[in-house]
Amino acid sequence: SPSCAGGKGSVMLSSSDVQLTDIRTTLLQRHMKASYTALPGGRQRLIVNGVVVVERDDRGDLKVEGPLVEDFFEVREVIYGQYVML
């Protein structure tokens, strides 16, 4: 599903559904620890280096939470790499 990010009027689109398992694979290739959990109600969670949490809600929207440290920005970069910004 499209998400607003980046700035006013920006829309992020992907040609397919962005999967947390794909994001996890990319993070592991970058030598980061990432654990995936499927939660009740269609939600999903990815915990990265024990610091950053990426969640997908039941509507498919992604949310990234954590302190503004290097890991947070690297996770955000990986996620943004899955989208095209319009």
PDB file of N, CA and C in Angstrom:
ATOM      1  N   SER A   1       0.834  -1.183   0.000  1.00  0.00           N
ATOM      2  CA  SER A   1       0.000   0.000   0.000  1.00  0.00           C
ATOM      3  C   SER A   1       0.874   1.240   0.000  1.00  0.00           C
ATOM      4  N   PRO A   2       0.471   2.307  -0.655  1.00  0.00           N
ATOM      5  CA  PRO A   2       1.260   3.530  -0.687  1.00  0.00           C
ATOM      6  C   PRO A   2       1.364   4.140   0.701  1.00  0.00           C
ATOM      7  N   SER A   3       2.487   4.734   0.989  1.00  0.00           N
ATOM      8  CA  SER A   3       2.704   5.398   2.264  1.00  0.00           C
ATOM      9  C   SER A   3       3.282   6.770   2.002  1.00  0.00           C
ATOM     10  N   CYS A   4       2.935   7.710   2.830  1.00  0.00           N
ATOM     11  CA  CYS A   4       3.522   9.044   2.724  1.00  0.00           C
ATOM     12  C   CYS A   4       4.776   9.086   3.571  1.00  0.00           C
ATOM     13  N   ALA A   5       5.846   9.614   3.026  1.00  0.00           N
ATOM     14  CA  ALA A   5       7.100   9.753   3.762  1.00  0.00           C
ATOM     15  C   ALA A   5       7.985  10.714   3.012  1.00  0.00           C
ATOM     16  N   GLY A   6       9.020  11.139   3.672  1.00  0.00           N
ATOM     17  CA  GLY A   6       9.999  11.966   3.003  1.00  0.00           C
ATOM     18  C   GLY A   6       9.673  13.439   3.049  1.00  0.00           C
ATOM     19  N   GLY A   7       8.544  13.837   2.639  1.00  0.00           N
ATOM     20  CA  GLY A   7       8.190  15.246   2.632  1.00  0.00           C
ATOM     21  C   GLY A   7       6.757  15.417   2.205  1.00  0.00           C
ATOM     22  N   LYS A   8       6.301  16.652   2.242  1.00  0.00           N
ATOM     23  CA  LYS A   8       4.917  16.916   1.854  1.00  0.00           C
ATOM     24  C   LYS A   8       4.679  16.492   0.416  1.00  0.00           C
ATOM     25  N   GLY A   9       3.616  15.745   0.220  1.00  0.00           N
ATOM     26  CA  GLY A   9       3.251  15.343  -1.121  1.00  0.00           C
ATOM     27  C   GLY A   9       4.023  14.161  -1.658  1.00  0.00           C
ATOM     28  N   SER A  10       4.991  13.637  -0.911  1.00  0.00           N
ATOM     29  CA  SER A  10       5.746  12.473  -1.384  1.00  0.00           C
ATOM     30  C   SER A  10       4.920  11.214  -1.191  1.00  0.00           C
ATOM     31  N   VAL A  11       4.973  10.332  -2.157  1.00  0.00           N
ATOM     32  CA  VAL A  11       4.308   9.039  -2.069  1.00  0.00           C
ATOM     33  C   VAL A  11       5.335   7.980  -2.399  1.00  0.00           C
ATOM     34  N   MET A  12       5.372   6.936  -1.571  1.00  0.00           N
ATOM     35  CA  MET A  12       6.308   5.839  -1.807  1.00  0.00           C
ATOM     36  C   MET A  12       5.527   4.649  -2.339  1.00  0.00           C
ATOM     37  N   LEU A  13       5.932   4.147  -3.502  1.00  0.00           N
ATOM     38  CA  LEU A  13       5.257   3.025  -4.134  1.00  0.00           C
ATOM     39  C   LEU A  13       6.235   1.891  -4.382  1.00  0.00           C
ATOM     40  N   SER A  14       5.703   0.685  -4.372  1.00  0.00           N
ATOM     41  CA  SER A  14       6.502  -0.496  -4.678  1.00  0.00           C
ATOM     42  C   SER A  14       5.771  -1.289  -5.745  1.00  0.00           C
ATOM     43  N   SER A  15       6.538  -1.951  -6.615  1.00  0.00           N
ATOM     44  CA  SER A  15       5.923  -2.743  -7.680  1.00  0.00           C
ATOM     45  C   SER A  15       5.295  -4.024  -7.141  1.00  0.00           C
ATOM     46  N   SER A  16       5.662  -4.407  -5.919  1.00  0.00           N
ATOM     47  CA  SER A  16       5.071  -5.578  -5.280  1.00  0.00           C
ATOM     48  C   SER A  16       5.004  -5.317  -3.782  1.00  0.00           C
ATOM     49  N   ASP A  17       4.367  -6.220  -3.063  1.00  0.00           N
ATOM     50  CA  ASP A  17       4.254  -6.084  -1.621  1.00  0.00           C
ATOM     51  C   ASP A  17       5.634  -6.240  -0.985  1.00  0.00           C
ATOM     52  N   VAL A  18       6.075  -5.251  -0.232  1.00  0.00           N
ATOM     53  CA  VAL A  18       7.376  -5.311   0.435  1.00  0.00           C
ATOM     54  C   VAL A  18       7.247  -6.254   1.626  1.00  0.00           C
ATOM     55  N   GLN A  19       8.058  -7.289   1.639  1.00  0.00           N
ATOM     56  CA  GLN A  19       8.007  -8.306   2.674  1.00  0.00           C
ATOM     57  C   GLN A  19       9.065  -8.060   3.743  1.00  0.00           C
ATOM     58  N   LEU A  20       8.678  -8.188   5.011  1.00  0.00           N
ATOM     59  CA  LEU A  20       9.653  -8.044   6.084  1.00  0.00           C
ATOM     60  C   LEU A  20      10.726  -9.121   5.999  1.00  0.00           C
ATOM     61  N   THR A  21      10.381 -10.282   5.471  1.00  0.00           N
ATOM     62  CA  THR A  21      11.390 -11.331   5.321  1.00  0.00           C
ATOM     63  C   THR A  21      12.461 -10.923   4.306  1.00  0.00           C
ATOM     64  N   ASP A  22      12.073 -10.193   3.259  1.00  0.00           N
ATOM     65  CA  ASP A  22      13.056  -9.689   2.293  1.00  0.00           C
ATOM     66  C   ASP A  22      13.936  -8.613   2.925  1.00  0.00           C
ATOM     67  N   ILE A  23      13.323  -7.746   3.718  1.00  0.00           N
ATOM     68  CA  ILE A  23      14.091  -6.722   4.420  1.00  0.00           C
ATOM     69  C   ILE A  23      15.069  -7.397   5.381  1.00  0.00           C
ATOM     70  N   ARG A  24      14.612  -8.434   6.069  1.00  0.00           N
ATOM     71  CA  ARG A  24      15.476  -9.181   6.999  1.00  0.00           C
ATOM     72  C   ARG A  24      16.680  -9.757   6.258  1.00  0.00           C
ATOM     73  N   THR A  25      16.452 -10.350   5.101  1.00  0.00           N
ATOM     74  CA  THR A  25      17.540 -10.922   4.315  1.00  0.00           C
ATOM     75  C   THR A  25      18.585  -9.868   3.971  1.00  0.00           C
ATOM     76  N   THR A  26      18.127  -8.705   3.541  1.00  0.00           N
ATOM     77  CA  THR A  26      19.052  -7.615   3.200  1.00  0.00           C
ATOM     78  C   THR A  26      19.829  -7.158   4.422  1.00  0.00           C
ATOM     79  N   LEU A  27      19.152  -7.036   5.553  1.00  0.00           N
ATOM     80  CA  LEU A  27      19.829  -6.617   6.787  1.00  0.00           C
ATOM     81  C   LEU A  27      20.870  -7.641   7.224  1.00  0.00           C
ATOM     82  N   LEU A  28      20.547  -8.926   7.090  1.00  0.00           N
ATOM     83  CA  LEU A  28      21.512  -9.978   7.432  1.00  0.00           C
ATOM     84  C   LEU A  28      22.736  -9.909   6.527  1.00  0.00           C
ATOM     85  N   GLN A  29      22.527  -9.579   5.256  1.00  0.00           N
ATOM     86  CA  GLN A  29      23.645  -9.421   4.321  1.00  0.00           C
ATOM     87  C   GLN A  29      24.533  -8.250   4.712  1.00  0.00           C
ATOM     88  N   ARG A  30      23.963  -7.285   5.439  1.00  0.00           N
ATOM     89  CA  ARG A  30      24.728  -6.135   5.925  1.00  0.00           C
ATOM     90  C   ARG A  30      25.297  -6.404   7.324  1.00  0.00           C
ATOM     91  N   HIS A  31      25.260  -7.655   7.737  1.00  0.00           N
ATOM     92  CA  HIS A  31      25.818  -8.112   9.015  1.00  0.00           C
ATOM     93  C   HIS A  31      25.101  -7.510  10.224  1.00  0.00           C
ATOM     94  N   MET A  32      23.802  -7.326  10.084  1.00  0.00           N
ATOM     95  CA  MET A  32      22.981  -6.869  11.199  1.00  0.00           C
ATOM     96  C   MET A  32      22.175  -8.065  11.696  1.00  0.00           C
ATOM     97  N   LYS A  33      21.848  -8.084  12.979  1.00  0.00           N
ATOM     98  CA  LYS A  33      20.994  -9.128  13.532  1.00  0.00           C
ATOM     99  C   LYS A  33      19.549  -8.706  13.340  1.00  0.00           C
ATOM    100  N   ALA A  34      18.726  -9.603  12.823  1.00  0.00           N
ATOM    101  CA  ALA A  34      17.326  -9.275  12.579  1.00  0.00           C
ATOM    102  C   ALA A  34      16.467 -10.507  12.830  1.00  0.00           C
ATOM    103  N   SER A  35      15.524 -10.390  13.757  1.00  0.00           N
ATOM    104  CA  SER A  35      14.632 -11.510  14.049  1.00  0.00           C
ATOM    105  C   SER A  35      13.212 -11.145  13.627  1.00  0.00           C
ATOM    106  N   TYR A  36      12.558 -12.086  12.942  1.00  0.00           N
ATOM    107  CA  TYR A  36      11.222 -11.894  12.376  1.00  0.00           C
ATOM    108  C   TYR A  36      10.206 -12.658  13.204  1.00  0.00           C
ATOM    109  N   THR A  37       9.051 -12.025  13.432  1.00  0.00           N
ATOM    110  CA  THR A  37       7.958 -12.680  14.145  1.00  0.00           C
ATOM    111  C   THR A  37       6.643 -12.351  13.456  1.00  0.00           C
ATOM    112  N   ALA A  38       5.838 -13.379  13.202  1.00  0.00           N
ATOM    113  CA  ALA A  38       4.468 -13.169  12.717  1.00  0.00           C
ATOM    114  C   ALA A  38       3.577 -13.063  13.953  1.00  0.00           C
ATOM    115  N   LEU A  39       2.746 -12.035  13.988  1.00  0.00           N
ATOM    116  CA  LEU A  39       1.892 -11.774  15.147  1.00  0.00           C
ATOM    117  C   LEU A  39       0.428 -12.015  14.790  1.00  0.00           C
ATOM    118  N   PRO A  40      -0.424 -12.166  15.795  1.00  0.00           N
ATOM    119  CA  PRO A  40      -1.853 -12.357  15.536  1.00  0.00           C
ATOM    120  C   PRO A  40      -2.430 -11.186  14.731  1.00  0.00           C
ATOM    121  N   GLY A  41      -3.457 -11.469  13.965  1.00  0.00           N
ATOM    122  CA  GLY A  41      -4.160 -10.429  13.216  1.00  0.00           C
ATOM    123  C   GLY A  41      -3.444  -9.981  11.960  1.00  0.00           C
ATOM    124  N   GLY A  42      -2.505 -10.785  11.460  1.00  0.00           N
ATOM    125  CA  GLY A  42      -1.814 -10.437  10.227  1.00  0.00           C
ATOM    126  C   GLY A  42      -0.665  -9.460  10.402  1.00  0.00           C
ATOM    127  N   ARG A  43      -0.362  -9.100  11.650  1.00  0.00           N
ATOM    128  CA  ARG A  43       0.750  -8.175  11.897  1.00  0.00           C
ATOM    129  C   ARG A  43       2.072  -8.923  11.869  1.00  0.00           C
ATOM    130  N   GLN A  44       3.142  -8.197  11.577  1.00  0.00           N
ATOM    131  CA  GLN A  44       4.484  -8.775  11.523  1.00  0.00           C
ATOM    132  C   GLN A  44       5.446  -7.827  12.215  1.00  0.00           C
ATOM    133  N   ARG A  45       6.521  -8.397  12.788  1.00  0.00           N
ATOM    134  CA  ARG A  45       7.501  -7.562  13.481  1.00  0.00           C
ATOM    135  C   ARG A  45       8.903  -8.056  13.157  1.00  0.00           C
ATOM    136  N   LEU A  46       9.792  -7.098  12.974  1.00  0.00           N
ATOM    137  CA  LEU A  46      11.204  -7.367  12.741  1.00  0.00           C
ATOM    138  C   LEU A  46      11.975  -6.545  13.772  1.00  0.00           C
ATOM    139  N   ILE A  47      12.802  -7.226  14.576  1.00  0.00           N
ATOM    140  CA  ILE A  47      13.624  -6.530  15.563  1.00  0.00           C
ATOM    141  C   ILE A  47      15.061  -6.580  15.074  1.00  0.00           C
ATOM    142  N   VAL A  48      15.664  -5.415  14.925  1.00  0.00           N
ATOM    143  CA  VAL A  48      16.994  -5.296  14.331  1.00  0.00           C
ATOM    144  C   VAL A  48      17.996  -4.848  15.402  1.00  0.00           C
ATOM    145  N   ASN A  49      19.023  -5.674  15.582  1.00  0.00           N
ATOM    146  CA  ASN A  49      20.096  -5.394  16.548  1.00  0.00           C
ATOM    147  C   ASN A  49      19.558  -5.073  17.940  1.00  0.00           C
ATOM    148  N   GLY A  50      18.364  -5.583  18.261  1.00  0.00           N
ATOM    149  CA  GLY A  50      17.766  -5.362  19.562  1.00  0.00           C
ATOM    150  C   GLY A  50      17.395  -3.915  19.838  1.00  0.00           C
ATOM    151  N   VAL A  51      17.437  -3.058  18.809  1.00  0.00           N
ATOM    152  CA  VAL A  51      17.246  -1.626  19.005  1.00  0.00           C
ATOM    153  C   VAL A  51      16.110  -1.070  18.152  1.00  0.00           C
ATOM    154  N   VAL A  52      16.031  -1.487  16.906  1.00  0.00           N
ATOM    155  CA  VAL A  52      15.065  -0.933  15.955  1.00  0.00           C
ATOM    156  C   VAL A  52      13.953  -1.954  15.720  1.00  0.00           C
ATOM    157  N   VAL A  53      12.714  -1.490  15.743  1.00  0.00           N
ATOM    158  CA  VAL A  53      11.557  -2.355  15.513  1.00  0.00           C
ATOM    159  C   VAL A  53      10.854  -1.894  14.245  1.00  0.00           C
ATOM    160  N   VAL A  54      10.656  -2.834  13.319  1.00  0.00           N
ATOM    161  CA  VAL A  54       9.882  -2.573  12.104  1.00  0.00           C
ATOM    162  C   VAL A  54       8.616  -3.411  12.217  1.00  0.00           C
ATOM    163  N   GLU A  55       7.460  -2.774  12.116  1.00  0.00           N
ATOM    164  CA  GLU A  55       6.200  -3.499  12.197  1.00  0.00           C
ATOM    165  C   GLU A  55       5.352  -3.241  10.966  1.00  0.00           C
ATOM    166  N   ARG A  56       4.663  -4.291  10.545  1.00  0.00           N
ATOM    167  CA  ARG A  56       3.659  -4.181   9.482  1.00  0.00           C
ATOM    168  C   ARG A  56       2.321  -4.457  10.146  1.00  0.00           C
ATOM    169  N   ASP A  57       1.384  -3.512  10.006  1.00  0.00           N
ATOM    170  CA  ASP A  57       0.074  -3.710  10.613  1.00  0.00           C
ATOM    171  C   ASP A  57      -0.829  -4.524   9.698  1.00  0.00           C
ATOM    172  N   ASP A  58      -2.041  -4.743  10.134  1.00  0.00           N
ATOM    173  CA  ASP A  58      -2.971  -5.577   9.367  1.00  0.00           C
ATOM    174  C   ASP A  58      -3.402  -4.937   8.051  1.00  0.00           C
ATOM    175  N   ARG A  59      -3.143  -3.630   7.867  1.00  0.00           N
ATOM    176  CA  ARG A  59      -3.430  -2.963   6.585  1.00  0.00           C
ATOM    177  C   ARG A  59      -2.241  -3.008   5.638  1.00  0.00           C
ATOM    178  N   GLY A  60      -1.091  -3.475   6.137  1.00  0.00           N
ATOM    179  CA  GLY A  60       0.101  -3.551   5.306  1.00  0.00           C
ATOM    180  C   GLY A  60       1.039  -2.368   5.447  1.00  0.00           C
ATOM    181  N   ASP A  61       0.686  -1.398   6.303  1.00  0.00           N
ATOM    182  CA  ASP A  61       1.529  -0.222   6.507  1.00  0.00           C
ATOM    183  C   ASP A  61       2.743  -0.586   7.365  1.00  0.00           C
ATOM    184  N   LEU A  62       3.897  -0.020   7.013  1.00  0.00           N
ATOM    185  CA  LEU A  62       5.125  -0.246   7.769  1.00  0.00           C
ATOM    186  C   LEU A  62       5.368   0.903   8.733  1.00  0.00           C
ATOM    187  N   LYS A  63       5.896   0.560   9.914  1.00  0.00           N
ATOM    188  CA  LYS A  63       6.251   1.547  10.920  1.00  0.00           C
ATOM    189  C   LYS A  63       7.637   1.184  11.444  1.00  0.00           C
ATOM    190  N   VAL A  64       8.528   2.170  11.525  1.00  0.00           N
ATOM    191  CA  VAL A  64       9.887   1.949  12.041  1.00  0.00           C
ATOM    192  C   VAL A  64      10.024   2.765  13.314  1.00  0.00           C
ATOM    193  N   GLU A  65      10.447   2.099  14.389  1.00  0.00           N
ATOM    194  CA  GLU A  65      10.610   2.772  15.673  1.00  0.00           C
ATOM    195  C   GLU A  65      11.964   2.437  16.263  1.00  0.00           C
ATOM    196  N   GLY A  66      12.516   3.384  16.997  1.00  0.00           N
ATOM    197  CA  GLY A  66      13.773   3.165  17.690  1.00  0.00           C
ATOM    198  C   GLY A  66      14.510   4.469  17.867  1.00  0.00           C
ATOM    199  N   PRO A  67      15.595   4.426  18.618  1.00  0.00           N
ATOM    200  CA  PRO A  67      16.387   5.646  18.803  1.00  0.00           C
ATOM    201  C   PRO A  67      17.058   6.051  17.491  1.00  0.00           C
ATOM    202  N   LEU A  68      17.292   7.329  17.338  1.00  0.00           N
ATOM    203  CA  LEU A  68      17.893   7.845  16.103  1.00  0.00           C
ATOM    204  C   LEU A  68      19.408   7.619  16.131  1.00  0.00           C
ATOM    205  N   VAL A  69      19.769   6.351  15.947  1.00  0.00           N
ATOM    206  CA  VAL A  69      21.173   5.940  15.918  1.00  0.00           C
ATOM    207  C   VAL A  69      21.469   5.342  14.543  1.00  0.00           C
ATOM    208  N   GLU A  70      22.713   4.994  14.301  1.00  0.00           N
ATOM    209  CA  GLU A  70      23.132   4.479  12.985  1.00  0.00           C
ATOM    210  C   GLU A  70      22.266   3.317  12.505  1.00  0.00           C
ATOM    211  N   ASP A  71      21.927   2.387  13.403  1.00  0.00           N
ATOM    212  CA  ASP A  71      21.094   1.239  13.014  1.00  0.00           C
ATOM    213  C   ASP A  71      19.739   1.687  12.469  1.00  0.00           C
ATOM    214  N   PHE A  72      19.128   2.669  13.099  1.00  0.00           N
ATOM    215  CA  PHE A  72      17.825   3.168  12.649  1.00  0.00           C
ATOM    216  C   PHE A  72      17.918   3.665  11.209  1.00  0.00           C
ATOM    217  N   PHE A  73      18.937   4.470  10.926  1.00  0.00           N
ATOM    218  CA  PHE A  73      19.062   5.047   9.593  1.00  0.00           C
ATOM    219  C   PHE A  73      19.423   3.996   8.544  1.00  0.00           C
ATOM    220  N   GLU A  74      20.168   2.972   8.929  1.00  0.00           N
ATOM    221  CA  GLU A  74      20.484   1.902   7.982  1.00  0.00           C
ATOM    222  C   GLU A  74      19.232   1.086   7.657  1.00  0.00           C
ATOM    223  N   VAL A  75      18.423   0.788   8.672  1.00  0.00           N
ATOM    224  CA  VAL A  75      17.162   0.075   8.443  1.00  0.00           C
ATOM    225  C   VAL A  75      16.262   0.905   7.538  1.00  0.00           C
ATOM    226  N   ARG A  76      16.150   2.183   7.821  1.00  0.00           N
ATOM    227  CA  ARG A  76      15.316   3.063   6.997  1.00  0.00           C
ATOM    228  C   ARG A  76      15.799   3.082   5.551  1.00  0.00           C
ATOM    229  N   GLU A  77      17.103   3.113   5.358  1.00  0.00           N
ATOM    230  CA  GLU A  77      17.674   3.097   4.006  1.00  0.00           C
ATOM    231  C   GLU A  77      17.299   1.819   3.260  1.00  0.00           C
ATOM    232  N   VAL A  78      17.356   0.684   3.949  1.00  0.00           N
ATOM    233  CA  VAL A  78      16.989  -0.601   3.331  1.00  0.00           C
ATOM    234  C   VAL A  78      15.512  -0.587   2.940  1.00  0.00           C
ATOM    235  N   ILE A  79      14.671  -0.101   3.832  1.00  0.00           N
ATOM    236  CA  ILE A  79      13.231  -0.049   3.532  1.00  0.00           C
ATOM    237  C   ILE A  79      12.959   0.903   2.374  1.00  0.00           C
ATOM    238  N   TYR A  80      13.548   2.088   2.405  1.00  0.00           N
ATOM    239  CA  TYR A  80      13.349   3.044   1.314  1.00  0.00           C
ATOM    240  C   TYR A  80      13.836   2.466  -0.017  1.00  0.00           C
ATOM    241  N   GLY A  81      14.835   1.604   0.014  1.00  0.00           N
ATOM    242  CA  GLY A  81      15.359   0.975  -1.202  1.00  0.00           C
ATOM    243  C   GLY A  81      14.354   0.052  -1.866  1.00  0.00           C
ATOM    244  N   GLN A  82      13.297  -0.317  -1.139  1.00  0.00           N
ATOM    245  CA  GLN A  82      12.263  -1.198  -1.667  1.00  0.00           C
ATOM    246  C   GLN A  82      11.165  -0.415  -2.409  1.00  0.00           C
ATOM    247  N   TYR A  83      11.230   0.918  -2.332  1.00  0.00           N
ATOM    248  CA  TYR A  83      10.183   1.761  -2.879  1.00  0.00           C
ATOM    249  C   TYR A  83      10.723   2.731  -3.918  1.00  0.00           C
ATOM    250  N   VAL A  84       9.812   3.280  -4.697  1.00  0.00           N
ATOM    251  CA  VAL A  84      10.107   4.395  -5.601  1.00  0.00           C
ATOM    252  C   VAL A  84       9.380   5.599  -5.028  1.00  0.00           C
ATOM    253  N   MET A  85      10.073   6.718  -4.880  1.00  0.00           N
ATOM    254  CA  MET A  85       9.478   7.925  -4.322  1.00  0.00           C
ATOM    255  C   MET A  85       8.964   8.793  -5.471  1.00  0.00           C
ATOM    256  N   LEU A  86       7.701   9.172  -5.389  1.00  0.00           N
ATOM    257  CA  LEU A  86       7.076  10.041  -6.383  1.00  0.00           C
ATOM    258  C   LEU A  86       6.786  11.396  -5.774  1.00  0.00           C
TER     259      LEU A  86
END
